[in-house]
Amino acid sequence: MTGYGKGEYEGSGLKFTVEVKSVNHRYNDVSVRIPRMFNSLEEKVKKLAAEYITRGKVDIYVNYISYEPNVTIELDKNLTKSYIDCFEFIKEEFKIKDEINLSLIAGFPDIIRIEKIEKEEDTIWNILGTALESALESFALMRLREGERLHKDIMKKISSIEEMVKETDMLSLGMAEANRDKFYQRVKDLAKDINLDENRLMTEIIIIADKSSIDEELVRLKSHLKEFKNTINGSISLGKKLDFIIQEMNREVNTIGSKASEFNITNYVINMKTEIEKIREQVQNIE
């Protein structure tokens, strides 16, 4: 399911901005883009995201601003004095007239030391985690609103399928008997010059006609529709279960289509398959 959320939080001289975006995906795929210096926190980011997201392709973007210097610069005074004393001695000893200047002294190693300021990981996570949680809450709220719209649309399609199943059920009444009579007459026409065992003929025709009945498929399809509604109205993660039910519904409709030769039933089968396919695509988005 698509969604977007943004959160910000600052403290201890740092400000984190987190964006969470998702697109439709049947599995749970979380990708984190975080500055390299915070790579050690990537697993914590994914773990917190998993509390809010169980399905979808999700991208989490982490950005930061530092309001405090990241490094300190220190002068080693004793070492500097040693260098200067050494140069003064060289000048005096060897009668060198050149002056000792700043650029000369600064060029020697360890005179000036640059050290990176490291913040405690827990301190950083408290700031980043708060920004991330704010983004995830905003993200979840948006997905909830989309989910409500999705639920309404899916239920409308389910109602349409139920109506078509009802009409198909009405049309199927007497279909087996009609097929039996049609097969019987067809055999009689083809074998008009052959003496047939009437009892054996009727037995075989009844078996063939019974195989063309769609009663069992309609019963199972109604059961799947009922289970689908019960599941989608539940409060637990249900996307994968709905996906399975949709597959079973499609299987029953395909069988009905292969058995039924009645024109109106064939039209209903085509329309039901169209609606089921639309629902299948939408179910991919449901957690």
Protein backbone atom coordinates (compact mmCIF):
# COMPACT_ATOMS: atom_id res chain seq x y z
CA MET A 1 0.00 0.00 0.00
CA THR A 2 1.30 3.45 -0.85
CA GLY A 3 2.04 5.90 1.90
CA TYR A 4 4.20 8.80 3.02
CA GLY A 5 5.28 10.18 6.38
CA LYS A 6 7.77 12.75 7.62
CA GLY A 7 9.20 13.43 11.05
CA GLU A 8 11.76 15.78 12.59
CA TYR A 9 13.46 16.04 15.96
CA GLU A 10 16.49 17.85 17.33
CA GLY A 11 18.66 17.79 20.41
CA SER A 12 22.30 17.75 21.55
CA GLY A 13 23.27 19.90 18.58
CA LEU A 14 21.73 17.52 16.03
CA LYS A 15 18.55 17.68 13.97
CA PHE A 16 17.25 14.58 12.17
CA THR A 17 14.67 14.61 9.38
CA VAL A 18 13.19 11.25 8.38
CA GLU A 19 10.94 10.50 5.39
CA VAL A 20 9.12 7.19 4.92
CA LYS A 21 7.71 6.27 1.51
CA SER A 22 6.11 3.04 0.31
CA VAL A 23 4.75 1.58 -2.90
CA ASN A 24 2.72 -1.56 -3.51
CA HIS A 25 4.54 -4.83 -3.00
CA ARG A 26 3.35 -8.30 -2.01
CA TYR A 27 6.27 -8.80 0.38
CA ASN A 28 7.97 -6.69 3.05
CA ASP A 29 11.01 -4.92 1.58
CA VAL A 30 12.50 -2.10 3.68
CA SER A 31 15.41 -0.04 2.37
CA VAL A 32 17.20 2.50 4.60
CA ARG A 33 19.23 5.40 3.21
CA ILE A 34 21.23 6.84 6.08
CA PRO A 35 24.47 8.90 6.29
CA ARG A 36 27.49 6.63 6.49
CA MET A 37 28.53 7.85 9.92
CA PHE A 38 25.26 6.45 11.33
CA ASN A 39 25.40 3.06 9.60
CA SER A 40 25.55 1.32 12.98
CA LEU A 41 21.96 2.47 13.61
CA GLU A 42 20.49 1.00 10.40
CA GLU A 43 19.27 -2.21 12.06
CA LYS A 44 17.56 -0.21 14.80
CA VAL A 45 15.80 1.82 12.11
CA LYS A 46 14.56 -1.37 10.39
CA LYS A 47 13.46 -2.92 13.68
CA LEU A 48 11.38 0.13 14.61
CA ALA A 49 9.89 0.27 11.10
CA ALA A 50 8.85 -3.39 11.39
CA GLU A 51 6.56 -2.44 14.29
CA TYR A 52 4.52 -0.31 11.88
CA ILE A 53 4.97 -2.04 8.51
CA THR A 54 4.49 -5.69 7.57
CA ARG A 55 4.02 -5.41 3.80
CA GLY A 56 5.15 -3.13 0.99
CA LYS A 57 8.30 -1.78 -0.60
CA VAL A 58 9.39 0.89 1.85
CA ASP A 59 12.16 3.48 1.53
CA ILE A 60 13.34 5.33 4.64
CA TYR A 61 15.45 8.45 4.09
CA VAL A 62 17.48 9.86 7.00
CA ASN A 63 19.04 13.33 6.84
CA TYR A 64 20.68 15.39 9.56
CA ILE A 65 22.06 18.83 10.39
CA SER A 66 24.74 19.39 13.01
CA TYR A 67 24.63 22.71 14.89
CA GLU A 68 27.87 22.01 16.71
CA PRO A 69 31.39 21.50 15.28
CA ASN A 70 32.22 17.89 14.52
CA VAL A 71 35.93 18.33 15.20
CA THR A 72 38.28 20.03 17.66
CA ILE A 73 41.63 21.62 16.78
CA GLU A 74 44.35 21.51 19.40
CA LEU A 75 47.84 23.02 19.43
CA ASP A 76 50.67 21.04 21.03
CA LYS A 77 52.46 23.95 22.72
CA ASN A 78 55.38 21.95 24.08
CA LEU A 79 56.12 20.41 20.67
CA THR A 80 55.82 23.81 19.00
CA LYS A 81 58.27 25.37 21.49
CA SER A 82 60.69 22.52 20.87
CA TYR A 83 60.59 23.14 17.11
CA ILE A 84 61.14 26.90 17.58
CA ASP A 85 64.03 26.35 20.01
CA CYS A 86 65.57 23.94 17.54
CA PHE A 87 65.29 26.46 14.68
CA GLU A 88 66.75 29.23 16.83
CA PHE A 89 69.70 27.06 17.65
CA ILE A 90 70.23 26.21 13.97
CA LYS A 91 70.11 29.91 13.02
CA GLU A 92 72.63 30.86 15.66
CA GLU A 93 74.91 27.90 15.13
CA PHE A 94 75.08 28.18 11.38
CA LYS A 95 74.63 31.94 11.03
CA ILE A 96 71.41 31.61 9.02
CA LYS A 97 69.64 34.92 8.45
CA ASP A 98 66.20 33.55 7.42
CA GLU A 99 63.32 34.24 9.79
CA ILE A 100 61.32 31.54 11.47
CA ASN A 101 57.75 32.06 10.19
CA LEU A 102 54.33 30.59 10.88
CA SER A 103 54.03 28.65 7.63
CA LEU A 104 57.28 26.86 8.39
CA ILE A 105 56.19 25.77 11.84
CA ALA A 106 52.64 24.79 10.79
CA GLY A 107 54.03 22.44 8.16
CA PHE A 108 55.44 20.04 10.70
CA PRO A 109 53.31 17.05 11.80
CA ASP A 110 51.56 16.89 15.17
CA ILE A 111 51.92 20.65 15.83
CA ILE A 112 48.18 20.99 15.22
CA ARG A 113 45.91 18.02 15.92
CA ILE A 114 42.40 17.67 14.49
CA GLU A 115 40.18 15.30 16.44
CA LYS A 116 36.65 14.21 15.62
CA ILE A 117 34.02 14.74 18.30
CA GLU A 118 32.12 11.50 18.85
CA LYS A 119 28.64 11.54 20.38
CA GLU A 120 27.30 8.60 22.32
CA GLU A 121 25.32 6.21 20.09
CA ASP A 122 22.43 6.17 22.58
CA THR A 123 22.24 9.96 22.43
CA ILE A 124 22.11 9.91 18.63
CA TRP A 125 19.50 7.13 18.57
CA ASN A 126 17.24 8.97 21.01
CA ILE A 127 17.10 11.88 18.54
CA LEU A 128 16.94 9.80 15.36
CA GLY A 129 14.47 7.31 16.85
CA THR A 130 12.09 10.09 17.89
CA ALA A 131 12.15 11.61 14.40
CA LEU A 132 11.64 8.15 12.84
CA GLU A 133 8.72 7.31 15.11
CA SER A 134 7.04 10.59 14.22
CA ALA A 135 7.47 9.81 10.50
CA LEU A 136 6.13 6.26 10.94
CA GLU A 137 3.06 7.46 12.84
CA SER A 138 2.30 9.96 10.07
CA PHE A 139 2.93 7.24 7.49
CA ALA A 140 0.63 4.77 9.26
CA LEU A 141 -2.16 7.36 9.47
CA MET A 142 -1.99 7.99 5.74
CA ARG A 143 -2.04 4.26 5.00
CA LEU A 144 -5.02 3.85 7.33
CA ARG A 145 -7.01 6.42 5.36
CA GLU A 146 -6.04 4.73 2.09
CA GLY A 147 -6.95 1.35 3.60
CA GLU A 148 -10.45 2.59 4.43
CA ARG A 149 -10.95 3.69 0.83
CA LEU A 150 -9.54 0.39 -0.42
CA HIS A 151 -11.81 -1.61 1.89
CA LYS A 152 -14.87 0.24 0.62
CA ASP A 153 -13.96 -0.38 -3.02
CA ILE A 154 -13.18 -4.07 -2.50
CA MET A 155 -16.44 -4.67 -0.64
CA LYS A 156 -18.30 -3.04 -3.53
CA LYS A 157 -16.66 -5.49 -5.94
CA ILE A 158 -17.41 -8.45 -3.65
CA SER A 159 -21.08 -7.43 -3.56
CA SER A 160 -21.07 -7.31 -7.36
CA ILE A 161 -19.60 -10.84 -7.53
CA GLU A 162 -22.16 -12.11 -5.01
CA GLU A 163 -24.95 -10.73 -7.19
CA MET A 164 -23.48 -12.45 -10.27
CA VAL A 165 -23.16 -15.72 -8.33
CA LYS A 166 -26.82 -15.43 -7.37
CA GLU A 167 -27.82 -14.90 -11.00
CA THR A 168 -25.60 -17.76 -12.15
CA ASP A 169 -27.18 -20.00 -9.52
CA MET A 170 -30.63 -19.18 -10.88
CA LEU A 171 -29.55 -19.84 -14.45
CA SER A 172 -27.97 -23.15 -13.48
CA LEU A 173 -31.26 -24.56 -12.17
CA GLY A 174 -32.27 -27.42 -14.46
CA MET A 175 -29.01 -27.15 -16.42
CA ALA A 176 -28.04 -30.77 -15.66
CA GLU A 177 -31.47 -32.00 -16.76
CA ALA A 178 -31.31 -29.91 -19.94
CA ASN A 179 -27.84 -31.29 -20.71
CA ARG A 180 -29.10 -34.81 -20.06
CA ASP A 181 -31.96 -34.38 -22.54
CA LYS A 182 -29.65 -32.74 -25.08
CA PHE A 183 -27.05 -35.55 -24.82
CA TYR A 184 -29.77 -38.18 -25.04
CA GLN A 185 -31.27 -36.69 -28.18
CA ARG A 186 -27.83 -36.24 -29.74
CA VAL A 187 -26.91 -39.88 -29.16
CA LYS A 188 -30.26 -41.06 -30.49
CA ASP A 189 -29.78 -39.00 -33.65
CA LEU A 190 -26.28 -40.35 -34.22
CA ALA A 191 -27.23 -43.94 -33.49
CA LYS A 192 -30.66 -44.07 -35.13
CA ASP A 193 -29.83 -47.27 -37.03
CA ILE A 194 -28.22 -49.00 -34.04
CA ASN A 195 -30.01 -50.92 -31.32
CA LEU A 196 -28.95 -49.41 -27.98
CA ASP A 197 -29.41 -50.63 -24.44
CA GLU A 198 -31.71 -47.89 -23.17
CA ASN A 199 -30.85 -48.40 -19.50
CA ARG A 200 -27.08 -48.34 -20.19
CA LEU A 201 -27.50 -45.29 -22.39
CA MET A 202 -29.40 -43.36 -19.72
CA THR A 203 -26.83 -44.31 -17.07
CA GLU A 204 -23.93 -42.99 -19.15
CA ILE A 205 -25.79 -39.83 -20.09
CA ILE A 206 -26.68 -39.11 -16.45
CA ILE A 207 -23.01 -39.47 -15.48
CA ILE A 208 -21.97 -37.07 -18.26
CA ALA A 209 -24.72 -34.60 -17.39
CA ASP A 210 -23.79 -34.74 -13.70
CA LYS A 211 -20.19 -33.83 -14.54
CA SER A 212 -21.46 -30.67 -16.23
CA SER A 213 -23.25 -29.54 -13.06
CA ILE A 214 -21.79 -26.41 -11.41
CA ASP A 215 -23.63 -26.76 -8.09
CA GLU A 216 -20.54 -27.75 -6.11
CA GLU A 217 -18.47 -24.92 -7.58
CA LEU A 218 -21.17 -22.38 -6.74
CA VAL A 219 -21.39 -23.65 -3.14
CA ARG A 220 -17.62 -23.38 -2.71
CA LEU A 221 -17.55 -19.95 -4.35
CA LYS A 222 -20.22 -18.68 -1.95
CA SER A 223 -18.19 -20.08 0.94
CA HIS A 224 -15.04 -18.32 -0.29
CA LEU A 225 -16.92 -15.03 -0.60
CA LYS A 226 -18.17 -15.36 2.96
CA GLU A 227 -14.69 -16.19 4.25
CA PHE A 228 -13.24 -13.25 2.33
CA LYS A 229 -15.66 -10.82 3.99
CA ASN A 230 -15.01 -12.29 7.44
CA THR A 231 -11.25 -11.99 6.91
CA ILE A 232 -11.15 -8.47 5.50
CA ASN A 233 -13.27 -7.23 8.39
CA GLY A 234 -10.87 -8.75 10.91
CA SER A 235 -8.22 -6.83 12.84
CA ILE A 236 -5.13 -8.94 12.18
CA SER A 237 -2.63 -9.00 9.32
CA LEU A 238 -4.67 -10.52 6.52
CA GLY A 239 -3.13 -9.71 3.14
CA LYS A 240 -1.67 -13.16 2.45
CA LYS A 241 -4.85 -14.96 3.54
CA LEU A 242 -6.97 -12.77 1.28
CA ASP A 243 -4.57 -13.49 -1.56
CA PHE A 244 -5.10 -17.23 -1.03
CA ILE A 245 -8.91 -16.89 -0.91
CA ILE A 246 -8.86 -14.89 -4.14
CA GLN A 247 -6.90 -17.70 -5.82
CA GLU A 248 -9.51 -20.22 -4.70
CA MET A 249 -12.35 -17.99 -5.93
CA ASN A 250 -10.67 -17.69 -9.30
CA ARG A 251 -10.24 -21.47 -9.45
CA GLU A 252 -13.97 -22.08 -8.89
CA VAL A 253 -14.99 -19.45 -11.47
CA ASN A 254 -12.64 -21.00 -14.04
CA THR A 255 -14.22 -24.42 -13.45
CA ILE A 256 -17.71 -22.95 -13.82
CA GLY A 257 -16.63 -21.41 -17.11
CA SER A 258 -15.27 -24.71 -18.40
CA LYS A 259 -18.46 -26.60 -17.49
CA ALA A 260 -21.22 -24.15 -18.36
CA SER A 261 -22.20 -23.70 -21.98
CA GLU A 262 -25.13 -21.36 -21.32
CA PHE A 263 -24.37 -17.96 -22.88
CA ASN A 264 -25.51 -15.82 -19.95
CA ILE A 265 -23.51 -17.90 -17.47
CA THR A 266 -20.42 -17.49 -19.66
CA ASN A 267 -20.91 -13.71 -19.56
CA TYR A 268 -21.17 -13.78 -15.77
CA VAL A 269 -18.00 -15.88 -15.60
CA ILE A 270 -16.11 -13.29 -17.67
CA ASN A 271 -17.38 -10.45 -15.49
CA MET A 272 -16.60 -12.31 -12.26
CA LYS A 273 -13.06 -13.03 -13.43
CA THR A 274 -12.61 -9.34 -14.27
CA GLU A 275 -13.74 -8.27 -10.78
CA ILE A 276 -11.64 -10.96 -9.08
CA GLU A 277 -8.54 -9.82 -10.95
CA LYS A 278 -9.14 -6.23 -9.82
CA ILE A 279 -9.52 -7.40 -6.23
CA ARG A 280 -6.39 -9.56 -6.52
CA GLU A 281 -4.34 -6.51 -7.51
CA GLN A 282 -5.76 -4.51 -4.61
CA VAL A 283 -5.18 -7.33 -2.12
CA GLN A 284 -1.46 -7.16 -2.94
CA ASN A 285 -1.49 -3.82 -1.13
CA ILE A 286 -3.12 -5.04 2.08
CA GLU A 287 -1.00 -5.96 5.09
